[in-house]
Protein backbone atom coordinates (compact mmCIF):
# COMPACT_ATOMS: atom_id res chain seq x y z
CA LEU A 1 5.33 -13.47 -88.70
CA GLU A 2 5.21 -13.74 -92.48
CA GLU A 3 1.79 -12.17 -93.17
CA SER A 4 1.52 -13.69 -96.65
CA GLN A 5 1.40 -17.16 -95.05
CA TRP A 6 -1.75 -16.40 -93.03
CA GLN A 7 -5.36 -15.64 -94.02
CA HIS A 8 -6.43 -13.83 -90.87
CA ILE A 9 -4.39 -11.80 -88.35
CA ALA A 10 -5.75 -9.91 -85.35
CA VAL A 11 -4.12 -8.21 -82.36
CA ALA A 12 -5.79 -7.43 -79.02
CA SER A 13 -5.13 -6.90 -75.33
CA LEU A 14 -5.33 -9.57 -72.67
CA GLN A 15 -5.51 -8.83 -68.96
CA LEU A 16 -4.03 -11.82 -67.14
CA LYS A 17 -4.96 -11.13 -63.52
CA SER A 18 -4.47 -14.67 -62.19
CA GLY A 19 -1.17 -15.44 -63.89
CA ARG A 20 -2.77 -18.52 -65.49
CA LEU A 21 -3.59 -18.83 -69.19
CA VAL A 22 -5.69 -21.65 -70.65
CA VAL A 23 -5.65 -22.26 -74.41
CA ALA A 24 -9.04 -23.59 -75.52
CA SER A 25 -11.59 -23.56 -78.31
CA PRO A 26 -15.39 -23.78 -77.99
CA GLU A 27 -15.10 -27.54 -78.59
CA SER A 28 -12.34 -28.09 -76.00
CA HIS A 29 -12.68 -30.29 -72.94
CA LEU A 30 -11.26 -27.87 -70.34
CA PRO A 31 -9.45 -30.44 -68.15
CA ASP A 32 -7.40 -31.45 -71.23
CA CYS A 33 -6.45 -27.92 -72.35
CA VAL A 34 -2.91 -26.58 -72.33
CA ARG A 35 -2.16 -24.26 -69.40
CA PHE A 36 0.59 -21.68 -68.91
CA SER A 37 1.78 -19.81 -65.83
CA LEU A 38 2.82 -16.23 -66.57
CA PRO A 39 3.35 -13.11 -64.48
CA ALA A 40 0.02 -11.38 -63.89
CA GLY A 41 -0.38 -8.25 -65.96
CA SER A 42 -1.32 -6.73 -69.29
CA TYR A 43 -0.37 -8.48 -72.52
CA GLN A 44 -0.76 -8.07 -76.26
CA VAL A 45 -1.94 -11.16 -78.12
CA GLN A 46 -1.71 -11.74 -81.86
CA VAL A 47 -3.70 -14.56 -83.44
CA ALA A 48 -2.98 -15.66 -87.01
CA GLY A 49 -5.11 -18.29 -88.77
CA ARG A 50 -5.17 -20.19 -92.05
CA GLY A 51 -6.81 -23.20 -93.66
CA PHE A 52 -10.37 -21.89 -93.78
CA GLU A 53 -11.22 -23.42 -97.16
CA ALA A 54 -13.06 -26.74 -97.52
CA ALA A 55 -10.86 -29.81 -96.98
CA GLU A 56 -8.05 -27.72 -95.44
CA ARG A 57 -6.74 -28.18 -91.94
CA GLU A 58 -7.17 -25.03 -89.83
CA GLU A 59 -4.01 -23.80 -88.14
CA TYR A 60 -3.47 -20.99 -85.67
CA LEU A 61 -0.39 -19.21 -84.35
CA VAL A 62 -0.85 -17.34 -81.06
CA THR A 63 1.86 -14.91 -79.98
CA LEU A 64 1.80 -13.23 -76.57
CA TRP A 65 4.00 -10.44 -75.18
CA PRO A 66 3.77 -7.90 -72.31
CA GLY A 67 2.14 -4.64 -73.33
CA PRO A 68 -0.48 -2.02 -72.45
CA ASP A 69 -4.19 -2.12 -73.28
CA ARG A 70 -5.01 -1.48 -76.91
CA VAL A 71 -7.98 -1.46 -79.24
CA VAL A 72 -8.50 -4.69 -81.17
CA SER A 73 -7.05 -4.40 -84.65
CA VAL A 74 -7.37 -6.69 -87.64
CA ALA A 75 -4.28 -6.67 -89.85
CA LYS A 76 -5.67 -9.20 -92.32
CA TRP A 77 -9.22 -10.54 -92.70
CA ALA A 78 -10.16 -13.88 -94.22
CA GLY A 79 -13.83 -13.04 -94.55
CA PRO A 80 -16.99 -13.98 -92.67
CA TYR A 81 -16.21 -17.71 -92.50
CA ALA A 82 -12.88 -17.39 -90.69
CA ALA A 83 -13.00 -18.88 -87.22
């Protein structure tokens, strides 16, 4: 991940007990959302976002890998208006 290309970067834990992951936003229609099957367990998830200025297209990069529980950390913050 090239940090200079992103406005906001956060890392957190995700407990995936069912082995199913649904990628959705608050505006999503759940039946249409992308779904993944993964081994149940503990994961780290990194979310990077950009395009938070007016007239820009928001983009997100979500990276997931196996890992233990951790405290949420913010590597880069875009400010209070970042999604």
